[in-house]
Amino acid sequence: MSISVSIDALPADLIKDIQRDLFINTVRHAYENSLFYKNRFDDNCVHPSDIKNLEDIKKLPFTGKEDIQKDNWSLLAVPRENISEIVSTTGTTGDPVFIALTANDLERLACNEEKSFGYAGAVKGDVFNIAVTCDNLFIAGIAYYRGLTKLGASVTRLGPQNILRHLDIMKELKPTGIVAVPSFMVQLARRAEEYGVPVKELGIRKIVLIGDSIRDADLTTNALGNLIETAFGKICYSTYGITEAQLSFCECRVHHGLHSHPDLVLTEIVDEDGRLLPDGDEGELVLTPLQLEGMPLIRYRTGDVTFKLSTPCACGRNSARIGPIIGRKQQKLKVKGVTLYPRNIENAILGLQDVINYQIEAYTGDDRTDRIILRIGSHVVNGGFKSVLKDAVLAKARVTPEIEIELPEEIERRLFENGGRKAVTFKDRRQKAI
């Protein structure tokens, strides 16, 4: 592999030349070794010899998750005996898909995270508590572990254990960093306060957050991020990762978008019809991972809505960046003329003290328009609290959903009712258009 840790500091023209060569190799490898891409390219009358520069990417067809779900193993581009690891997606949008990694793919994964943690200021000698699962076919846990150890940091693999267990270990081992989902950090701060443990005394200096974004579209800290930074300080770094592409994006100290790694991915933003959008315009994120062996992907439509920033970052890097994930394309809601995503509602309620947990449910009304039920887990059940909730959502999301208040335990059951490893905070019961 030809990975260079410092490639994003090179001049933009040189980065483009490196990407061009890697892209051409990626297309050739996919065509020559993956039955899926051999058939897909032939069906679209395109051949690797047609690809001579980065601009030729528009000649190539898109790949969707439904393609992988339909014939998962046709994407495999190496003999089965060369597979070193198999991971899977969560299956929140249909059946899960399985992703095969070779030994070189695992090394590429480690390099990706080594760079990302470096962006977040991690250094040799740091101790990171990994508070996300490292099993159950979850790619992120092994990625963080391998990336941190490759960087020279130490790790404690506690995973999604009880909050009190984390507090005990953190008081004992004094980790300097933590990898967690934002909701975990909110609960950690709350439980620490309940048990009289000052969070500042835990010694955490870097918080790398996965899953939900802590930034709004204007790159300012959202309600969820404010809850964490109020407790721990402005030491948070937001990330975005995707299993199928075997990579992640991460903020740097400037917090002005999430950096990609130029030698590991090409990034596009497209509209509903697949047309390329200019920097700053919101659209669907499309990824072409570079240097993948086991299961290459070409122009993968992620379903996530964001925007691209290609100008140099104030940190000195020339790598392209993406903004926060604004929402899932298929989760876009239109309520009485207002277009929004579930995240708009989440940002409205997360700062409210008596909200313990929540689930947003969308369904189709009798008039065929989108309707929303907001289920709140709280120990406060009076009408005044419901009015506060309605006012908060109306002010920030410009809609008034139906609101049901339930015990936090009942909401917790709803969030994990199918035995998933991720909480389902948005449940879509809308009828599909015929």
Protein backbone atom coordinates (compact mmCIF):
# COMPACT_ATOMS: atom_id res chain seq x y z
CA MET A 1 0.00 0.00 0.00
CA SER A 2 1.12 3.54 -0.74
CA ILE A 3 -0.48 5.36 2.15
CA SER A 4 1.22 8.55 3.32
CA VAL A 5 0.20 10.03 6.65
CA SER A 6 1.05 13.54 5.46
CA ILE A 7 -0.58 13.49 2.01
CA ASP A 8 -3.22 16.06 3.00
CA ALA A 9 -0.47 18.62 3.60
CA LEU A 10 0.70 18.37 -0.02
CA PRO A 11 -0.29 20.99 -2.63
CA ALA A 12 -3.78 20.46 -4.03
CA ASP A 13 -2.49 19.70 -7.55
CA LEU A 14 -0.18 16.96 -6.29
CA ILE A 15 -2.98 15.47 -4.18
CA LYS A 16 -5.14 15.38 -7.30
CA ASP A 17 -2.43 13.55 -9.25
CA ILE A 18 -2.11 10.93 -6.50
CA GLN A 19 -5.88 10.50 -6.34
CA ARG A 20 -6.10 10.11 -10.12
CA ASP A 21 -3.65 7.20 -10.13
CA LEU A 22 -5.32 5.53 -7.16
CA PHE A 23 -8.76 6.03 -8.71
CA ILE A 24 -7.74 4.45 -12.03
CA ASN A 25 -6.28 1.48 -10.13
CA THR A 26 -9.46 1.17 -8.06
CA VAL A 27 -11.67 1.06 -11.16
CA ARG A 28 -9.43 -1.50 -12.85
CA HIS A 29 -9.31 -3.71 -9.76
CA ALA A 30 -13.09 -3.62 -9.39
CA TYR A 31 -13.71 -4.48 -13.05
CA GLU A 32 -11.16 -7.26 -13.26
CA ASN A 33 -11.94 -8.97 -9.96
CA SER A 34 -15.53 -8.21 -8.85
CA LEU A 35 -18.33 -9.98 -10.73
CA PHE A 36 -20.73 -7.23 -9.68
CA TYR A 37 -18.64 -4.45 -11.20
CA LYS A 38 -17.73 -6.46 -14.30
CA ASN A 39 -21.44 -6.84 -15.03
CA ARG A 40 -22.35 -3.31 -13.95
CA PHE A 41 -19.70 -1.65 -16.13
CA ASP A 42 -20.53 -3.85 -19.12
CA ASP A 43 -24.25 -3.10 -18.75
CA ASN A 44 -23.41 0.61 -18.82
CA CYS A 45 -20.97 0.29 -21.73
CA VAL A 46 -18.02 1.60 -19.74
CA HIS A 47 -14.53 0.09 -19.51
CA PRO A 48 -11.58 0.93 -17.23
CA SER A 49 -9.71 2.20 -20.29
CA ASP A 50 -12.31 4.99 -20.50
CA ILE A 51 -11.17 6.33 -17.13
CA LYS A 52 -8.17 8.62 -17.55
CA ASN A 53 -8.72 11.37 -14.95
CA LEU A 54 -10.83 12.22 -11.91
CA GLU A 55 -13.44 14.01 -14.01
CA ASP A 56 -14.22 10.71 -15.73
CA ILE A 57 -15.88 9.51 -12.53
CA LYS A 58 -19.17 10.81 -13.94
CA LYS A 59 -18.99 8.08 -16.61
CA LEU A 60 -19.33 5.42 -13.94
CA PRO A 61 -22.66 4.15 -12.58
CA PHE A 62 -23.68 4.61 -8.96
CA THR A 63 -23.82 1.78 -6.43
CA GLY A 64 -26.56 1.66 -3.78
CA LYS A 65 -26.98 -0.32 -0.61
CA GLU A 66 -29.79 -2.21 -2.30
CA ASP A 67 -27.23 -3.51 -4.81
CA ILE A 68 -25.14 -5.02 -2.04
CA GLN A 69 -28.21 -6.41 -0.29
CA LYS A 70 -29.41 -8.03 -3.51
CA ASP A 71 -26.19 -9.96 -4.16
CA ASN A 72 -23.79 -9.31 -1.30
CA TRP A 73 -20.92 -11.59 -2.27
CA SER A 74 -20.81 -10.66 -5.96
CA LEU A 75 -18.83 -7.58 -4.89
CA LEU A 76 -16.02 -9.72 -3.52
CA ALA A 77 -12.82 -9.06 -5.47
CA VAL A 78 -10.43 -11.56 -3.83
CA PRO A 79 -10.51 -15.32 -3.24
CA ARG A 80 -12.45 -16.19 -0.10
CA GLU A 81 -9.34 -17.61 1.53
CA ASN A 82 -7.83 -14.09 1.45
CA ILE A 83 -10.53 -12.67 3.73
CA SER A 84 -9.18 -11.71 7.15
CA GLU A 85 -12.26 -10.12 8.75
CA ILE A 86 -15.99 -9.95 8.06
CA VAL A 87 -18.07 -7.09 9.45
CA SER A 88 -21.64 -5.98 8.86
CA THR A 89 -23.84 -2.93 8.78
CA THR A 90 -26.56 -2.50 11.39
CA GLY A 91 -29.38 -3.13 8.96
CA THR A 92 -31.34 -0.01 9.95
CA THR A 93 -32.36 0.35 6.28
CA GLY A 94 -33.32 -3.17 5.28
CA ASP A 95 -31.27 -6.33 5.69
CA PRO A 96 -27.69 -5.93 6.93
CA VAL A 97 -24.87 -6.42 4.46
CA PHE A 98 -21.58 -8.16 5.09
CA ILE A 99 -18.26 -6.55 4.22
CA ALA A 100 -15.11 -8.61 3.73
CA LEU A 101 -11.68 -7.18 4.55
CA THR A 102 -8.29 -8.52 3.60
CA ALA A 103 -5.19 -8.09 5.74
CA ASN A 104 -4.29 -5.01 3.66
CA ASP A 105 -7.82 -3.63 4.14
CA LEU A 106 -7.39 -3.94 7.90
CA GLU A 107 -4.10 -2.07 7.65
CA ARG A 108 -5.82 0.61 5.55
CA LEU A 109 -8.53 0.84 8.22
CA ALA A 110 -5.88 1.34 10.90
CA CYS A 111 -4.18 4.04 8.81
CA ASN A 112 -7.51 5.83 8.39
CA GLU A 113 -8.05 5.98 12.14
CA GLU A 114 -4.42 6.78 12.90
CA LYS A 115 -4.85 9.91 10.77
CA SER A 116 -8.24 10.77 12.22
CA PHE A 117 -7.09 10.51 15.82
CA GLY A 118 -4.09 12.59 14.86
CA TYR A 119 -6.46 15.30 13.60
CA ALA A 120 -8.11 15.19 17.03
CA GLY A 121 -4.76 15.77 18.72
CA ALA A 122 -4.13 12.23 19.94
CA VAL A 123 -0.45 11.40 20.43
CA LYS A 124 1.77 8.57 21.55
CA GLY A 125 1.33 8.14 25.30
CA ASP A 126 -2.38 9.01 25.35
CA VAL A 127 -4.73 6.53 26.99
CA PHE A 128 -8.11 6.19 25.26
CA ASN A 129 -11.19 4.53 26.72
CA ILE A 130 -13.11 2.87 23.86
CA ALA A 131 -16.71 3.07 25.05
CA VAL A 132 -18.26 1.48 21.94
CA THR A 133 -18.63 -2.19 21.15
CA CYS A 134 -15.64 -4.04 19.76
CA ASP A 135 -17.63 -7.17 18.85
CA ASN A 136 -20.91 -8.13 17.13
CA LEU A 137 -19.39 -7.62 13.62
CA PHE A 138 -19.02 -3.89 14.36
CA ILE A 139 -16.26 -2.33 12.25
CA ALA A 140 -15.79 0.85 14.29
CA GLY A 141 -14.54 -0.86 17.45
CA ILE A 142 -11.70 -2.68 15.69
CA ALA A 143 -10.94 0.43 13.63
CA TYR A 144 -10.49 2.60 16.72
CA TYR A 145 -8.45 -0.05 18.49
CA ARG A 146 -6.09 -0.61 15.56
CA GLY A 147 -5.80 3.08 14.75
CA LEU A 148 -4.98 4.13 18.30
CA THR A 149 -2.43 1.39 18.84
CA LYS A 150 -0.84 2.18 15.46
CA LEU A 151 -0.57 5.81 16.60
CA GLY A 152 1.17 4.66 19.77
CA ALA A 153 -1.66 5.37 22.20
CA SER A 154 -2.86 2.95 24.85
CA VAL A 155 -6.45 1.71 24.94
CA THR A 156 -8.94 0.39 27.45
CA ARG A 157 -11.67 -1.57 25.67
CA LEU A 158 -14.56 -1.19 28.09
CA GLY A 159 -17.22 -1.02 25.40
CA PRO A 160 -20.86 -0.18 26.18
CA GLN A 161 -20.65 -1.15 29.85
CA ASN A 162 -22.64 0.27 32.73
CA ILE A 163 -21.89 3.96 33.33
CA LEU A 164 -20.73 3.28 36.89
CA ARG A 165 -18.23 0.71 35.62
CA HIS A 166 -16.82 3.39 33.31
CA LEU A 167 -16.59 5.90 36.14
CA ASP A 168 -14.73 3.41 38.34
CA ILE A 169 -12.22 2.51 35.62
CA MET A 170 -11.71 6.13 34.59
CA LYS A 171 -11.02 7.20 38.17
CA GLU A 172 -8.50 4.38 38.45
CA LEU A 173 -6.74 4.57 35.05
CA LYS A 174 -7.22 8.28 34.21
CA PRO A 175 -7.64 7.98 30.42
CA THR A 176 -6.77 11.16 28.54
CA GLY A 177 -9.28 10.45 25.77
CA ILE A 178 -12.53 8.64 25.14
CA VAL A 179 -14.37 7.33 22.07
CA ALA A 180 -18.14 7.25 22.53
CA VAL A 181 -21.52 8.12 21.10
CA PRO A 182 -22.76 11.55 22.22
CA SER A 183 -25.65 10.17 24.27
CA PHE A 184 -23.18 8.14 26.34
CA MET A 185 -21.21 11.26 27.22
CA VAL A 186 -24.42 13.06 28.26
CA GLN A 187 -25.33 10.16 30.55
CA LEU A 188 -21.76 9.95 31.88
CA ALA A 189 -21.88 13.60 32.90
CA ARG A 190 -25.29 13.17 34.55
CA ARG A 191 -24.31 10.07 36.50
CA ALA A 192 -20.99 11.57 37.54
CA GLU A 193 -22.87 14.54 38.99
CA GLU A 194 -25.32 12.23 40.80
CA TYR A 195 -22.44 10.34 42.43
CA GLY A 196 -20.45 13.45 43.27
CA VAL A 197 -17.65 12.79 40.78
CA PRO A 198 -16.40 16.05 39.20
CA VAL A 199 -15.99 15.26 35.48
CA LYS A 200 -13.01 17.60 35.23
CA GLU A 201 -11.16 15.35 37.69
CA LEU A 202 -11.52 12.36 35.34
CA GLY A 203 -8.66 13.82 33.31
CA ILE A 204 -10.28 13.57 29.85
CA ARG A 205 -8.67 15.96 27.36
CA LYS A 206 -10.05 14.61 24.06
CA ILE A 207 -13.52 13.28 23.26
CA VAL A 208 -13.97 11.60 19.87
CA LEU A 209 -17.68 11.27 19.12
CA ILE A 210 -19.17 8.77 16.68
CA GLY A 211 -22.72 8.37 15.44
CA ASP A 212 -24.84 11.47 15.93
CA SER A 213 -23.31 14.79 14.92
CA ILE A 214 -22.70 17.54 17.47
CA ARG A 215 -22.63 20.28 14.82
CA ASP A 216 -25.41 22.08 12.97
CA ALA A 217 -25.30 22.79 9.24
CA ASP A 218 -23.63 26.14 9.95
CA LEU A 219 -20.85 24.22 11.77
CA THR A 220 -21.78 25.66 15.18
CA THR A 221 -22.26 23.31 18.11
CA ASN A 222 -25.81 21.95 18.35
CA ALA A 223 -27.88 21.22 21.45
CA LEU A 224 -26.40 17.75 21.90
CA GLY A 225 -22.86 19.08 21.62
CA ASN A 226 -23.59 21.90 24.04
CA LEU A 227 -24.70 19.40 26.68
CA ILE A 228 -21.36 17.58 26.40
CA GLU A 229 -19.16 20.66 26.14
CA THR A 230 -20.87 22.31 29.09
CA ALA A 231 -19.86 19.33 31.21
CA PHE A 232 -16.43 18.47 29.78
CA GLY A 233 -15.27 21.62 28.00
CA LYS A 234 -14.63 22.29 24.32
CA ILE A 235 -12.60 19.15 23.76
CA CYS A 236 -14.97 17.30 21.41
CA TYR A 237 -14.25 16.07 17.88
CA SER A 238 -17.12 14.97 15.70
CA THR A 239 -16.71 12.11 13.21
CA TYR A 240 -18.60 10.37 10.43
CA GLY A 241 -18.00 6.76 9.51
CA ILE A 242 -19.50 4.24 7.13
CA THR A 243 -19.01 0.49 7.24
CA GLU A 244 -19.42 -0.21 3.53
CA ALA A 245 -16.62 2.20 2.59
CA GLN A 246 -14.41 1.11 5.50
CA LEU A 247 -13.42 4.65 6.40
CA SER A 248 -14.29 7.67 8.50
CA PHE A 249 -14.04 11.47 8.44
CA CYS A 250 -12.91 13.49 11.45
CA GLU A 251 -12.77 17.10 12.62
CA CYS A 252 -9.47 18.83 13.27
CA ARG A 253 -8.77 21.49 15.92
CA VAL A 254 -10.46 24.14 13.72
CA HIS A 255 -13.83 22.31 13.81
CA HIS A 256 -14.74 23.55 10.33
CA GLY A 257 -15.94 20.35 8.69
CA LEU A 258 -14.82 16.73 8.79
CA HIS A 259 -11.63 15.90 6.92
CA SER A 260 -11.44 13.07 4.42
CA HIS A 261 -8.20 11.26 3.70
CA PRO A 262 -7.29 12.00 0.05
CA ASP A 263 -5.51 8.71 -0.58
CA LEU A 264 -8.40 6.70 0.83
CA VAL A 265 -11.54 8.22 -0.70
CA LEU A 266 -13.07 10.41 -3.42
CA THR A 267 -16.04 12.44 -2.23
CA GLU A 268 -18.98 13.74 -4.26
CA ILE A 269 -22.24 15.48 -3.39
CA VAL A 270 -25.12 14.85 -5.81
CA ASP A 271 -28.75 15.92 -6.17
CA GLU A 272 -31.79 13.64 -6.45
CA ASP A 273 -30.97 12.96 -10.11
CA GLY A 274 -27.31 12.17 -9.47
CA ARG A 275 -25.98 15.47 -10.77
CA LEU A 276 -22.82 16.78 -9.13
CA LEU A 277 -23.41 19.74 -6.80
CA PRO A 278 -20.94 22.56 -6.11
CA ASP A 279 -19.23 23.16 -2.77
CA GLY A 280 -21.62 24.23 -0.03
CA ASP A 281 -24.80 22.86 -1.64
CA GLU A 282 -26.62 20.20 0.36
CA GLY A 283 -27.09 16.83 -1.29
CA GLU A 284 -26.42 13.13 -0.98
CA LEU A 285 -22.91 12.03 -0.03
CA VAL A 286 -21.35 9.69 -2.62
CA LEU A 287 -18.10 7.89 -1.81
CA THR A 288 -15.54 6.01 -3.87
CA PRO A 289 -13.08 4.39 -1.44
CA LEU A 290 -9.53 4.01 -2.75
CA GLN A 291 -7.11 1.14 -2.11
CA LEU A 292 -9.76 -1.38 -1.08
CA GLU A 293 -8.99 -5.00 -1.96
CA GLY A 294 -11.74 -7.21 -0.59
CA MET A 295 -14.91 -5.36 -1.57
CA PRO A 296 -14.26 -2.26 -3.68
CA LEU A 297 -17.03 0.31 -4.05
CA ILE A 298 -17.57 2.72 -6.93
CA ARG A 299 -19.70 5.86 -6.45
CA TYR A 300 -21.54 4.52 -3.40
CA ARG A 301 -24.69 6.51 -2.58
CA THR A 302 -24.67 6.65 1.21
CA GLY A 303 -28.16 8.12 1.66
CA ASP A 304 -26.68 10.74 4.00
CA VAL A 305 -27.28 14.43 3.31
CA THR A 306 -24.43 16.90 3.78
CA PHE A 307 -22.24 19.30 1.78
CA LYS A 308 -18.63 19.48 0.64
CA LEU A 309 -15.85 21.96 1.43
CA SER A 310 -12.82 21.80 -0.87
CA THR A 311 -11.00 24.99 0.12
CA PRO A 312 -7.86 24.61 2.29
CA CYS A 313 -8.57 24.31 6.00
CA ALA A 314 -7.13 26.77 8.50
CA CYS A 315 -5.32 23.83 10.08
CA GLY A 316 -3.06 23.73 7.01
CA ARG A 317 -4.47 20.59 5.39
CA ASN A 318 -5.67 20.48 1.79
CA SER A 319 -7.95 17.48 2.17
CA ALA A 320 -11.59 17.87 1.16
CA ARG A 321 -14.05 18.12 4.03
CA ILE A 322 -17.73 17.40 4.48
CA GLY A 323 -20.18 19.19 6.73
CA PRO A 324 -22.21 17.53 9.48
CA ILE A 325 -24.73 14.92 8.40
CA ILE A 326 -27.98 16.88 8.19
CA GLY A 327 -30.13 13.79 7.88
CA ARG A 328 -30.84 10.60 5.96
CA LYS A 329 -32.27 11.22 2.50
CA GLN A 330 -35.04 8.70 3.08
CA GLN A 331 -35.90 10.29 6.44
CA LYS A 332 -36.78 13.67 4.99
CA LEU A 333 -40.15 14.80 6.34
CA LYS A 334 -42.64 17.25 4.94
CA VAL A 335 -45.20 18.39 7.48
CA LYS A 336 -47.72 21.05 6.43
CA GLY A 337 -45.31 22.55 3.94
CA VAL A 338 -42.28 22.43 6.25
CA THR A 339 -39.37 20.23 5.15
CA LEU A 340 -37.21 18.86 7.96
CA TYR A 341 -35.25 15.89 9.23
CA PRO A 342 -35.60 14.07 12.56
CA ARG A 343 -32.40 15.79 13.69
CA ASN A 344 -34.21 19.16 13.67
CA ILE A 345 -36.58 17.81 16.31
CA GLU A 346 -33.76 16.18 18.28
CA ASN A 347 -31.87 19.48 18.49
CA ALA A 348 -35.01 21.13 19.85
CA ILE A 349 -35.49 18.77 22.79
CA LEU A 350 -31.99 17.67 23.79
CA GLY A 351 -31.33 20.73 25.92
CA LEU A 352 -34.46 20.24 28.03
CA GLN A 353 -33.55 19.06 31.50
CA ASP A 354 -36.37 16.54 32.06
CA VAL A 355 -35.91 14.70 28.74
CA ILE A 356 -34.23 11.38 29.55
CA ASN A 357 -34.62 9.70 26.15
CA TYR A 358 -36.90 9.87 23.13
CA GLN A 359 -38.11 8.28 19.93
CA ILE A 360 -39.52 10.08 16.89
CA GLU A 361 -42.08 8.20 14.83
CA ALA A 362 -43.35 9.24 11.40
CA TYR A 363 -46.55 7.95 9.80
CA THR A 364 -48.83 8.86 6.91
CA GLY A 365 -51.97 10.78 7.83
CA ASP A 366 -55.42 10.34 6.30
CA ASP A 367 -54.61 13.27 4.01
CA ARG A 368 -51.51 11.36 2.75
CA THR A 369 -49.13 13.87 4.36
CA ASP A 370 -46.37 13.13 6.90
CA ARG A 371 -47.31 13.14 10.58
CA ILE A 372 -45.00 12.94 13.60
CA ILE A 373 -45.32 11.40 17.05
CA LEU A 374 -42.67 12.49 19.52
CA ARG A 375 -42.34 10.02 22.38
CA ILE A 376 -40.46 11.41 25.34
CA GLY A 377 -39.03 9.39 28.21
CA SER A 378 -39.37 11.44 31.39
CA HIS A 379 -40.45 11.27 35.01
CA VAL A 380 -42.34 14.54 34.54
CA VAL A 381 -45.81 13.88 33.14
CA ASN A 382 -47.74 17.11 33.72
CA GLY A 383 -49.37 19.20 31.01
CA GLY A 384 -46.98 22.06 31.56
CA PHE A 385 -44.03 19.92 30.49
CA LYS A 386 -45.85 18.86 27.34
CA SER A 387 -46.44 22.52 26.51
CA VAL A 388 -42.74 23.24 26.98
CA LEU A 389 -41.92 20.42 24.57
CA LYS A 390 -44.35 21.69 21.94
CA ASP A 391 -43.03 25.23 22.18
CA ALA A 392 -39.41 24.07 21.90
CA VAL A 393 -40.07 21.95 18.80
CA LEU A 394 -42.15 24.67 17.15
CA ALA A 395 -39.43 27.26 17.76
CA LYS A 396 -36.56 25.20 16.31
CA ALA A 397 -38.22 22.77 13.88
CA ARG A 398 -41.26 24.84 12.90
CA VAL A 399 -43.69 21.94 13.38
CA THR A 400 -45.98 20.80 16.20
CA PRO A 401 -45.86 17.00 16.55
CA GLU A 402 -48.13 14.78 18.60
CA ILE A 403 -46.37 14.30 21.94
CA GLU A 404 -46.59 11.28 24.22
CA ILE A 405 -44.73 11.13 27.54
CA GLU A 406 -43.75 7.68 28.80
CA LEU A 407 -41.45 6.23 31.42
CA PRO A 408 -37.80 6.24 30.31
CA GLU A 409 -37.73 2.44 30.66
CA GLU A 410 -40.53 2.12 28.11
CA ILE A 411 -38.73 4.37 25.64
CA GLU A 412 -35.55 2.34 26.17
CA ARG A 413 -37.50 -0.80 25.24
CA ARG A 414 -38.76 0.88 22.08
CA LEU A 415 -35.27 2.01 21.11
CA PHE A 416 -33.87 -1.52 21.17
CA GLU A 417 -37.01 -3.57 20.53
CA ASN A 418 -35.50 -5.50 17.60
CA GLY A 419 -32.33 -6.39 19.46
CA GLY A 420 -30.17 -3.97 17.46
CA ARG A 421 -26.85 -2.62 18.70
CA LYS A 422 -27.88 0.97 17.93
CA ALA A 423 -30.83 2.81 19.41
CA VAL A 424 -33.57 3.42 16.83
CA THR A 425 -34.41 7.04 17.61
CA PHE A 426 -36.40 7.45 14.36
CA LYS A 427 -39.10 4.96 13.41
CA ASP A 428 -40.55 5.35 9.93
CA ARG A 429 -44.09 3.97 9.47
CA ARG A 430 -44.93 6.11 6.45
CA GLN A 431 -46.66 4.43 3.53
CA LYS A 432 -44.47 4.26 0.46
CA ALA A 433 -45.77 5.99 -2.63
CA ILE A 434 -47.08 3.61 -5.26
